[in-house]
Amino acid sequence: MSSFPNNEYSWQPPDNSQNYSYNSNAFGDASQTLDFQTFTPEQQSFSYDQGQNMAPNNNQYYNPSLFEPAPIPGDTHPETSEFDEPPLLDELEIYPDRILEKTLAVLNPFHGHSKADDANFLLRDTDIAGPIAFCLALAVCLFLSGNKAHFGYVYGLSVMSVILMYFLLSLMCVTEGVFTVLSVASVLGYCMLPMVALAGLGIFISMEGTVGLSLSAISVIWSALSASRLFVTMTGDSEQRPLIAYPCALVNAVFALLVLF
């Protein structure tokens, strides 16, 4: 077995005693030297809550409020979504509960304990949806019964009646500003309900003779009592009810004549 004369091929452990030093002068440019900054333990502490309050991004292209509308000065209304919009009937100012209250007040002119007997309710709520519906129903009933006087006559007489009653009630009332055109139109329109019922009967039976005259008289008296009751509630003077009932009876007598002839 041959022996190696020299130990240059023998395995030796690596030398880990080499020292690597950093010389900042090795760079050609002094501005390229690395300057490391040290922080104290108090400065190195960081929590999640502090991260929430960090300053906004200073990037000139970063603007998260770019597409948000600018607030209107003095506008304090909260933003509403499509789910917070009112119903369609409320947008059209059609309130079925109020229509039902006034309809029941007309159907029972001697009952004085309903919501329609409140003067503030009648003055504040000038509902026109119900009167327009009753005028349309009266015109349709006249048309179905074969009467020549229907849509144009009903609306023309309704407008004239409202204007004349408004001036008459304004002269009779001691307190100024109690009645408005809309309030008078609302009361007269709702009190037209007996005339609508009379016209509906005219589709099936003949209104000529004693039966037609009797039903017409009952409808006129019924409408006059209901209208005078509501008007007196608005004025607060119950002694004027006979004086107010007389022009109301004349107005409803004109519509009764349309139904009869």
C-alpha atoms as a PDB file:
ATOM      1  CA  MET A   1       0.000   0.000   0.000  1.00  0.00           C
ATOM      2  CA  SER A   2       1.484   3.237  -1.170  1.00  0.00           C
ATOM      3  CA  SER A   3       1.629   6.270   1.031  1.00  0.00           C
ATOM      4  CA  PHE A   4       1.334   9.816  -0.024  1.00  0.00           C
ATOM      5  CA  PRO A   5       4.465  11.750   0.633  1.00  0.00           C
ATOM      6  CA  ASN A   6       2.631  15.087   0.964  1.00  0.00           C
ATOM      7  CA  ASN A   7      -0.521  15.963   2.907  1.00  0.00           C
ATOM      8  CA  GLU A   8      -1.838  18.435   0.380  1.00  0.00           C
ATOM      9  CA  TYR A   9      -4.610  16.059  -0.730  1.00  0.00           C
ATOM     10  CA  SER A  10      -5.734  15.144   2.740  1.00  0.00           C
ATOM     11  CA  TRP A  11      -9.114  16.424   4.079  1.00  0.00           C
ATOM     12  CA  GLN A  12      -8.995  19.298   6.461  1.00  0.00           C
ATOM     13  CA  PRO A  13     -11.897  21.081   8.231  1.00  0.00           C
ATOM     14  CA  PRO A  14     -12.963  24.477   6.845  1.00  0.00           C
ATOM     15  CA  ASP A  15     -11.610  27.548   8.453  1.00  0.00           C
ATOM     16  CA  ASN A  16     -14.477  29.609   9.933  1.00  0.00           C
ATOM     17  CA  SER A  17     -12.257  32.155  11.469  1.00  0.00           C
ATOM     18  CA  GLN A  18     -12.398  34.476   8.489  1.00  0.00           C
ATOM     19  CA  ASN A  19     -13.475  38.017   9.319  1.00  0.00           C
ATOM     20  CA  TYR A  20     -15.549  40.013   6.943  1.00  0.00           C
ATOM     21  CA  SER A  21     -15.371  43.731   7.473  1.00  0.00           C
ATOM     22  CA  TYR A  22     -17.362  46.491   5.879  1.00  0.00           C
ATOM     23  CA  ASN A  23     -15.419  49.431   4.587  1.00  0.00           C
ATOM     24  CA  SER A  24     -17.541  52.406   3.634  1.00  0.00           C
ATOM     25  CA  ASN A  25     -14.633  53.892   1.770  1.00  0.00           C
ATOM     26  CA  ALA A  26     -14.761  51.045  -0.737  1.00  0.00           C
ATOM     27  CA  PHE A  27     -17.461  52.868  -2.714  1.00  0.00           C
ATOM     28  CA  GLY A  28     -16.306  55.395  -5.132  1.00  0.00           C
ATOM     29  CA  ASP A  29     -19.099  57.864  -4.358  1.00  0.00           C
ATOM     30  CA  ALA A  30     -19.580  58.875  -0.730  1.00  0.00           C
ATOM     31  CA  SER A  31     -23.301  59.591  -1.296  1.00  0.00           C
ATOM     32  CA  GLN A  32     -23.928  55.889  -1.999  1.00  0.00           C
ATOM     33  CA  THR A  33     -22.965  54.758   1.458  1.00  0.00           C
ATOM     34  CA  LEU A  34     -25.685  53.123   3.509  1.00  0.00           C
ATOM     35  CA  ASP A  35     -26.757  54.947   6.646  1.00  0.00           C
ATOM     36  CA  PHE A  36     -28.688  52.699   9.056  1.00  0.00           C
ATOM     37  CA  GLN A  37     -30.875  54.330  11.693  1.00  0.00           C
ATOM     38  CA  THR A  38     -31.453  52.802  15.073  1.00  0.00           C
ATOM     39  CA  PHE A  39     -34.666  53.070  17.102  1.00  0.00           C
ATOM     40  CA  THR A  40     -35.302  52.796  20.802  1.00  0.00           C
ATOM     41  CA  PRO A  41     -37.730  50.109  22.112  1.00  0.00           C
ATOM     42  CA  GLU A  42     -40.380  52.760  22.812  1.00  0.00           C
ATOM     43  CA  GLN A  43     -40.277  53.898  19.199  1.00  0.00           C
ATOM     44  CA  GLN A  44     -40.425  50.334  17.867  1.00  0.00           C
ATOM     45  CA  SER A  45     -43.706  49.497  19.648  1.00  0.00           C
ATOM     46  CA  PHE A  46     -46.617  49.474  17.251  1.00  0.00           C
ATOM     47  CA  SER A  47     -50.228  48.485  17.782  1.00  0.00           C
ATOM     48  CA  TYR A  48     -53.215  47.930  15.486  1.00  0.00           C
ATOM     49  CA  ASP A  49     -55.107  50.936  16.861  1.00  0.00           C
ATOM     50  CA  GLN A  50     -52.249  53.193  15.951  1.00  0.00           C
ATOM     51  CA  GLY A  51     -52.314  51.859  12.436  1.00  0.00           C
ATOM     52  CA  GLN A  52     -55.949  52.899  12.088  1.00  0.00           C
ATOM     53  CA  ASN A  53     -55.001  56.527  12.732  1.00  0.00           C
ATOM     54  CA  MET A  54     -52.124  56.645  10.314  1.00  0.00           C
ATOM     55  CA  ALA A  55     -51.821  59.570   8.008  1.00  0.00           C
ATOM     56  CA  PRO A  56     -53.422  59.174   4.600  1.00  0.00           C
ATOM     57  CA  ASN A  57     -51.470  58.143   1.607  1.00  0.00           C
ATOM     58  CA  ASN A  58     -49.416  61.003   0.232  1.00  0.00           C
ATOM     59  CA  ASN A  59     -49.582  59.646  -3.251  1.00  0.00           C
ATOM     60  CA  GLN A  60     -50.782  62.379  -5.584  1.00  0.00           C
ATOM     61  CA  TYR A  61     -52.818  59.876  -7.594  1.00  0.00           C
ATOM     62  CA  TYR A  62     -54.615  58.465  -4.571  1.00  0.00           C
ATOM     63  CA  ASN A  63     -57.941  60.232  -3.964  1.00  0.00           C
ATOM     64  CA  PRO A  64     -60.669  57.920  -2.533  1.00  0.00           C
ATOM     65  CA  SER A  65     -63.258  60.727  -2.330  1.00  0.00           C
ATOM     66  CA  LEU A  66     -62.984  61.574  -6.019  1.00  0.00           C
ATOM     67  CA  PHE A  67     -66.347  60.035  -6.903  1.00  0.00           C
ATOM     68  CA  GLU A  68     -68.201  61.155  -3.754  1.00  0.00           C
ATOM     69  CA  PRO A  69     -70.572  64.125  -4.261  1.00  0.00           C
ATOM     70  CA  ALA A  70     -69.756  67.285  -2.397  1.00  0.00           C
ATOM     71  CA  PRO A  71     -72.122  68.021   0.523  1.00  0.00           C
ATOM     72  CA  ILE A  72     -74.650  70.798   0.031  1.00  0.00           C
ATOM     73  CA  PRO A  73     -74.228  73.640   2.537  1.00  0.00           C
ATOM     74  CA  GLY A  74     -77.042  73.666   5.079  1.00  0.00           C
ATOM     75  CA  ASP A  75     -78.416  70.284   3.987  1.00  0.00           C
ATOM     76  CA  THR A  76     -78.761  67.995   7.002  1.00  0.00           C
ATOM     77  CA  HIS A  77     -81.049  65.361   5.470  1.00  0.00           C
ATOM     78  CA  PRO A  78     -79.641  61.831   5.730  1.00  0.00           C
ATOM     79  CA  GLU A  79     -78.964  59.857   2.620  1.00  0.00           C
ATOM     80  CA  THR A  80     -81.824  57.569   1.668  1.00  0.00           C
ATOM     81  CA  SER A  81     -81.636  54.430  -0.388  1.00  0.00           C
ATOM     82  CA  GLU A  82     -84.199  52.953  -2.715  1.00  0.00           C
ATOM     83  CA  PHE A  83     -85.549  50.852   0.158  1.00  0.00           C
ATOM     84  CA  ASP A  84     -86.330  53.969   2.237  1.00  0.00           C
ATOM     85  CA  GLU A  85     -88.604  55.559  -0.364  1.00  0.00           C
ATOM     86  CA  PRO A  86     -92.271  56.023   0.627  1.00  0.00           C
ATOM     87  CA  PRO A  87     -94.970  53.897  -1.013  1.00  0.00           C
ATOM     88  CA  LEU A  88     -96.474  54.942  -4.316  1.00  0.00           C
ATOM     89  CA  LEU A  89     -99.803  55.988  -2.764  1.00  0.00           C
ATOM     90  CA  ASP A  90     -97.993  58.300  -0.345  1.00  0.00           C
ATOM     91  CA  GLU A  91     -96.066  59.894  -3.193  1.00  0.00           C
ATOM     92  CA  LEU A  92     -99.348  60.509  -5.018  1.00  0.00           C
ATOM     93  CA  GLU A  93    -100.856  61.866  -1.768  1.00  0.00           C
ATOM     94  CA  ILE A  94    -103.547  59.185  -1.718  1.00  0.00           C
ATOM     95  CA  TYR A  95    -104.288  57.958   1.795  1.00  0.00           C
ATOM     96  CA  PRO A  96    -106.902  55.156   1.947  1.00  0.00           C
ATOM     97  CA  ASP A  97    -107.412  55.479   5.715  1.00  0.00           C
ATOM     98  CA  ARG A  98    -108.344  59.165   5.413  1.00  0.00           C
ATOM     99  CA  ILE A  99    -110.667  58.438   2.503  1.00  0.00           C
ATOM    100  CA  LEU A 100    -112.382  55.770   4.605  1.00  0.00           C
ATOM    101  CA  GLU A 101    -112.762  58.139   7.584  1.00  0.00           C
ATOM    102  CA  LYS A 102    -114.462  60.858   5.537  1.00  0.00           C
ATOM    103  CA  THR A 103    -116.600  58.363   3.644  1.00  0.00           C
ATOM    104  CA  LEU A 104    -117.930  56.939   6.901  1.00  0.00           C
ATOM    105  CA  ALA A 105    -118.621  60.462   8.149  1.00  0.00           C
ATOM    106  CA  VAL A 106    -120.746  61.131   5.051  1.00  0.00           C
ATOM    107  CA  LEU A 107    -122.593  57.839   5.315  1.00  0.00           C
ATOM    108  CA  ASN A 108    -123.618  58.625   8.906  1.00  0.00           C
ATOM    109  CA  PRO A 109    -124.371  62.377   9.085  1.00  0.00           C
ATOM    110  CA  PHE A 110    -125.791  62.177  12.619  1.00  0.00           C
ATOM    111  CA  HIS A 111    -122.779  60.459  14.216  1.00  0.00           C
ATOM    112  CA  GLY A 112    -120.388  63.002  15.712  1.00  0.00           C
ATOM    113  CA  HIS A 113    -117.619  60.921  17.322  1.00  0.00           C
ATOM    114  CA  SER A 114    -115.360  60.040  14.405  1.00  0.00           C
ATOM    115  CA  LYS A 115    -112.002  61.408  13.360  1.00  0.00           C
ATOM    116  CA  ALA A 116    -113.694  63.501  10.676  1.00  0.00           C
ATOM    117  CA  ASP A 117    -115.376  65.558  13.430  1.00  0.00           C
ATOM    118  CA  ASP A 118    -112.040  67.102  14.342  1.00  0.00           C
ATOM    119  CA  ALA A 119    -111.692  70.611  12.909  1.00  0.00           C
ATOM    120  CA  ASN A 120    -107.909  70.386  12.749  1.00  0.00           C
ATOM    121  CA  PHE A 121    -108.147  67.144  10.809  1.00  0.00           C
ATOM    122  CA  LEU A 122    -110.528  68.654   8.236  1.00  0.00           C
ATOM    123  CA  LEU A 123    -108.551  71.867   7.844  1.00  0.00           C
ATOM    124  CA  ARG A 124    -105.177  70.153   7.650  1.00  0.00           C
ATOM    125  CA  ASP A 125    -106.149  67.232   5.449  1.00  0.00           C
ATOM    126  CA  THR A 126    -107.539  68.582   2.177  1.00  0.00           C
ATOM    127  CA  ASP A 127    -107.818  65.252   0.399  1.00  0.00           C
ATOM    128  CA  ILE A 128    -108.770  65.566  -3.283  1.00  0.00           C
ATOM    129  CA  ALA A 129    -108.267  61.937  -4.354  1.00  0.00           C
ATOM    130  CA  GLY A 130    -111.633  60.850  -2.921  1.00  0.00           C
ATOM    131  CA  PRO A 131    -113.696  63.675  -4.529  1.00  0.00           C
ATOM    132  CA  ILE A 132    -112.092  63.074  -7.918  1.00  0.00           C
ATOM    133  CA  ALA A 133    -112.873  59.370  -7.636  1.00  0.00           C
ATOM    134  CA  PHE A 134    -116.517  60.095  -6.719  1.00  0.00           C
ATOM    135  CA  CYS A 135    -116.913  62.561  -9.605  1.00  0.00           C
ATOM    136  CA  LEU A 136    -115.468  59.997 -11.983  1.00  0.00           C
ATOM    137  CA  ALA A 137    -117.804  57.305 -10.604  1.00  0.00           C
ATOM    138  CA  LEU A 138    -120.822  59.611 -11.031  1.00  0.00           C
ATOM    139  CA  ALA A 139    -119.861  60.348 -14.613  1.00  0.00           C
ATOM    140  CA  VAL A 140    -119.404  56.647 -15.370  1.00  0.00           C
ATOM    141  CA  CYS A 141    -122.806  55.791 -13.860  1.00  0.00           C
ATOM    142  CA  LEU A 142    -124.479  58.526 -15.930  1.00  0.00           C
ATOM    143  CA  PHE A 143    -122.781  57.220 -19.036  1.00  0.00           C
ATOM    144  CA  LEU A 144    -123.857  53.621 -18.373  1.00  0.00           C
ATOM    145  CA  SER A 145    -127.430  54.673 -17.696  1.00  0.00           C
ATOM    146  CA  GLY A 146    -127.660  56.283 -21.141  1.00  0.00           C
ATOM    147  CA  ASN A 147    -127.714  59.870 -19.890  1.00  0.00           C
ATOM    148  CA  LYS A 148    -126.318  62.453 -22.278  1.00  0.00           C
ATOM    149  CA  ALA A 149    -124.866  64.571 -19.465  1.00  0.00           C
ATOM    150  CA  HIS A 150    -121.772  62.885 -18.107  1.00  0.00           C
ATOM    151  CA  PHE A 151    -118.076  63.804 -17.918  1.00  0.00           C
ATOM    152  CA  GLY A 152    -118.030  67.416 -19.082  1.00  0.00           C
ATOM    153  CA  TYR A 153    -121.194  68.365 -17.202  1.00  0.00           C
ATOM    154  CA  VAL A 154    -120.086  66.732 -13.942  1.00  0.00           C
ATOM    155  CA  TYR A 155    -116.678  68.363 -13.833  1.00  0.00           C
ATOM    156  CA  GLY A 156    -117.963  71.749 -14.997  1.00  0.00           C
ATOM    157  CA  LEU A 157    -120.702  71.872 -12.373  1.00  0.00           C
ATOM    158  CA  SER A 158    -118.302  70.629  -9.714  1.00  0.00           C
ATOM    159  CA  VAL A 159    -115.821  73.452 -10.347  1.00  0.00           C
ATOM    160  CA  MET A 160    -118.552  76.104 -10.386  1.00  0.00           C
ATOM    161  CA  SER A 161    -120.098  74.724  -7.186  1.00  0.00           C
ATOM    162  CA  VAL A 162    -116.781  74.746  -5.358  1.00  0.00           C
ATOM    163  CA  ILE A 163    -115.995  78.343  -6.317  1.00  0.00           C
ATOM    164  CA  LEU A 164    -119.447  79.665  -5.396  1.00  0.00           C
ATOM    165  CA  MET A 165    -119.536  77.765  -2.089  1.00  0.00           C
ATOM    166  CA  TYR A 166    -116.074  79.041  -1.219  1.00  0.00           C
ATOM    167  CA  PHE A 167    -117.097  82.682  -1.624  1.00  0.00           C
ATOM    168  CA  LEU A 168    -120.384  82.095   0.213  1.00  0.00           C
ATOM    169  CA  LEU A 169    -118.760  80.373   3.175  1.00  0.00           C
ATOM    170  CA  SER A 170    -116.035  83.008   3.362  1.00  0.00           C
ATOM    171  CA  LEU A 171    -118.707  85.699   3.687  1.00  0.00           C
ATOM    172  CA  MET A 172    -120.673  83.753   6.283  1.00  0.00           C
ATOM    173  CA  CYS A 173    -117.707  82.815   8.451  1.00  0.00           C
ATOM    174  CA  VAL A 174    -116.716  85.327  11.118  1.00  0.00           C
ATOM    175  CA  THR A 175    -113.061  84.210  11.282  1.00  0.00           C
ATOM    176  CA  GLU A 176    -111.102  84.900   8.130  1.00  0.00           C
ATOM    177  CA  GLY A 177    -108.937  82.281   6.496  1.00  0.00           C
ATOM    178  CA  VAL A 178    -110.813  79.254   7.815  1.00  0.00           C
ATOM    179  CA  PHE A 179    -111.880  77.892   4.432  1.00  0.00           C
ATOM    180  CA  THR A 180    -109.732  77.262   1.411  1.00  0.00           C
ATOM    181  CA  VAL A 181    -110.720  76.201  -2.068  1.00  0.00           C
ATOM    182  CA  LEU A 182    -109.255  72.747  -1.523  1.00  0.00           C
ATOM    183  CA  SER A 183    -111.036  72.224   1.787  1.00  0.00           C
ATOM    184  CA  VAL A 184    -114.402  73.202   0.262  1.00  0.00           C
ATOM    185  CA  ALA A 185    -113.759  70.941  -2.730  1.00  0.00           C
ATOM    186  CA  SER A 186    -112.866  68.067  -0.422  1.00  0.00           C
ATOM    187  CA  VAL A 187    -116.066  68.348   1.631  1.00  0.00           C
ATOM    188  CA  LEU A 188    -118.382  68.789  -1.361  1.00  0.00           C
ATOM    189  CA  GLY A 189    -116.699  65.947  -3.215  1.00  0.00           C
ATOM    190  CA  TYR A 190    -117.113  63.479  -0.381  1.00  0.00           C
ATOM    191  CA  CYS A 191    -120.717  64.548   0.174  1.00  0.00           C
ATOM    192  CA  MET A 192    -121.411  63.617  -3.431  1.00  0.00           C
ATOM    193  CA  LEU A 193    -121.455  59.956  -2.397  1.00  0.00           C
ATOM    194  CA  PRO A 194    -125.289  59.760  -2.130  1.00  0.00           C
ATOM    195  CA  MET A 195    -125.516  61.168  -5.659  1.00  0.00           C
ATOM    196  CA  VAL A 196    -123.187  58.424  -6.855  1.00  0.00           C
ATOM    197  CA  ALA A 197    -125.406  55.799  -5.212  1.00  0.00           C
ATOM    198  CA  LEU A 198    -128.466  57.374  -6.851  1.00  0.00           C
ATOM    199  CA  ALA A 199    -126.790  57.292 -10.262  1.00  0.00           C
ATOM    200  CA  GLY A 200    -125.787  53.675  -9.683  1.00  0.00           C
ATOM    201  CA  LEU A 201    -129.419  52.757  -9.044  1.00  0.00           C
ATOM    202  CA  GLY A 202    -130.351  54.593 -12.220  1.00  0.00           C
ATOM    203  CA  ILE A 203    -128.444  51.988 -14.230  1.00  0.00           C
ATOM    204  CA  PHE A 204    -130.776  49.193 -13.127  1.00  0.00           C
ATOM    205  CA  ILE A 205    -134.090  50.942 -12.453  1.00  0.00           C
ATOM    206  CA  SER A 206    -135.916  53.843 -14.031  1.00  0.00           C
ATOM    207  CA  MET A 207    -135.786  57.128 -12.126  1.00  0.00           C
ATOM    208  CA  GLU A 208    -138.958  58.467 -13.669  1.00  0.00           C
ATOM    209  CA  GLY A 209    -142.023  58.755 -11.466  1.00  0.00           C
ATOM    210  CA  THR A 210    -142.521  58.852  -7.733  1.00  0.00           C
ATOM    211  CA  VAL A 211    -139.758  56.370  -6.908  1.00  0.00           C
ATOM    212  CA  GLY A 212    -137.089  58.436  -8.649  1.00  0.00           C
ATOM    213  CA  LEU A 213    -138.257  61.700  -7.082  1.00  0.00           C
ATOM    214  CA  SER A 214    -138.369  60.166  -3.608  1.00  0.00           C
ATOM    215  CA  LEU A 215    -134.882  58.686  -3.899  1.00  0.00           C
ATOM    216  CA  SER A 216    -133.548  61.956  -5.288  1.00  0.00           C
ATOM    217  CA  ALA A 217    -135.026  63.947  -2.390  1.00  0.00           C
ATOM    218  CA  ILE A 218    -133.521  61.558   0.136  1.00  0.00           C
ATOM    219  CA  SER A 219    -130.097  61.789  -1.546  1.00  0.00           C
ATOM    220  CA  VAL A 220    -130.194  65.596  -1.628  1.00  0.00           C
ATOM    221  CA  ILE A 221    -131.135  65.866   2.052  1.00  0.00           C
ATOM    222  CA  TRP A 222    -128.527  63.281   2.989  1.00  0.00           C
ATOM    223  CA  SER A 223    -125.746  65.124   1.125  1.00  0.00           C
ATOM    224  CA  ALA A 224    -126.814  68.508   2.532  1.00  0.00           C
ATOM    225  CA  LEU A 225    -126.783  67.240   6.122  1.00  0.00           C
ATOM    226  CA  SER A 226    -123.362  65.659   5.724  1.00  0.00           C
ATOM    227  CA  ALA A 227    -121.833  68.713   4.058  1.00  0.00           C
ATOM    228  CA  SER A 228    -123.314  71.151   6.584  1.00  0.00           C
ATOM    229  CA  ARG A 229    -122.077  69.019   9.464  1.00  0.00           C
ATOM    230  CA  LEU A 230    -118.507  69.040   8.158  1.00  0.00           C
ATOM    231  CA  PHE A 231    -118.569  72.763   7.365  1.00  0.00           C
ATOM    232  CA  VAL A 232    -119.934  73.599  10.816  1.00  0.00           C
ATOM    233  CA  THR A 233    -117.189  71.469  12.365  1.00  0.00           C
ATOM    234  CA  MET A 234    -114.616  73.553  10.542  1.00  0.00           C
ATOM    235  CA  THR A 235    -116.128  76.904  11.579  1.00  0.00           C
ATOM    236  CA  GLY A 236    -117.068  75.877  15.118  1.00  0.00           C
ATOM    237  CA  ASP A 237    -120.433  77.679  14.930  1.00  0.00           C
ATOM    238  CA  SER A 238    -123.232  75.108  15.076  1.00  0.00           C
ATOM    239  CA  GLU A 239    -125.947  77.785  14.839  1.00  0.00           C
ATOM    240  CA  GLN A 240    -125.138  78.376  11.180  1.00  0.00           C
ATOM    241  CA  ARG A 241    -125.825  74.797  10.132  1.00  0.00           C
ATOM    242  CA  PRO A 242    -129.307  75.496   8.642  1.00  0.00           C
ATOM    243  CA  LEU A 243    -127.893  78.430   6.673  1.00  0.00           C
ATOM    244  CA  ILE A 244    -125.037  76.320   5.315  1.00  0.00           C
ATOM    245  CA  ALA A 245    -127.280  73.312   4.598  1.00  0.00           C
ATOM    246  CA  TYR A 246    -129.495  75.322   2.238  1.00  0.00           C
ATOM    247  CA  PRO A 247    -126.830  76.151  -0.424  1.00  0.00           C
ATOM    248  CA  CYS A 248    -125.437  72.621  -0.062  1.00  0.00           C
ATOM    249  CA  ALA A 249    -128.902  71.247  -0.856  1.00  0.00           C
ATOM    250  CA  LEU A 250    -129.107  73.472  -3.948  1.00  0.00           C
ATOM    251  CA  VAL A 251    -125.750  72.228  -5.212  1.00  0.00           C
ATOM    252  CA  ASN A 252    -126.705  68.587  -4.769  1.00  0.00           C
ATOM    253  CA  ALA A 253    -130.145  69.208  -6.316  1.00  0.00           C
ATOM    254  CA  VAL A 254    -128.399  70.167  -9.577  1.00  0.00           C
ATOM    255  CA  PHE A 255    -126.625  66.804  -9.677  1.00  0.00           C
ATOM    256  CA  ALA A 256    -129.874  65.048  -8.807  1.00  0.00           C
ATOM    257  CA  LEU A 257    -131.493  66.682 -11.839  1.00  0.00           C
ATOM    258  CA  LEU A 258    -128.649  65.319 -13.982  1.00  0.00           C
ATOM    259  CA  VAL A 259    -129.414  61.828 -12.712  1.00  0.00           C
ATOM    260  CA  LEU A 260    -133.187  62.173 -13.254  1.00  0.00           C
ATOM    261  CA  PHE A 261    -133.106  63.720 -16.680  1.00  0.00           C
END
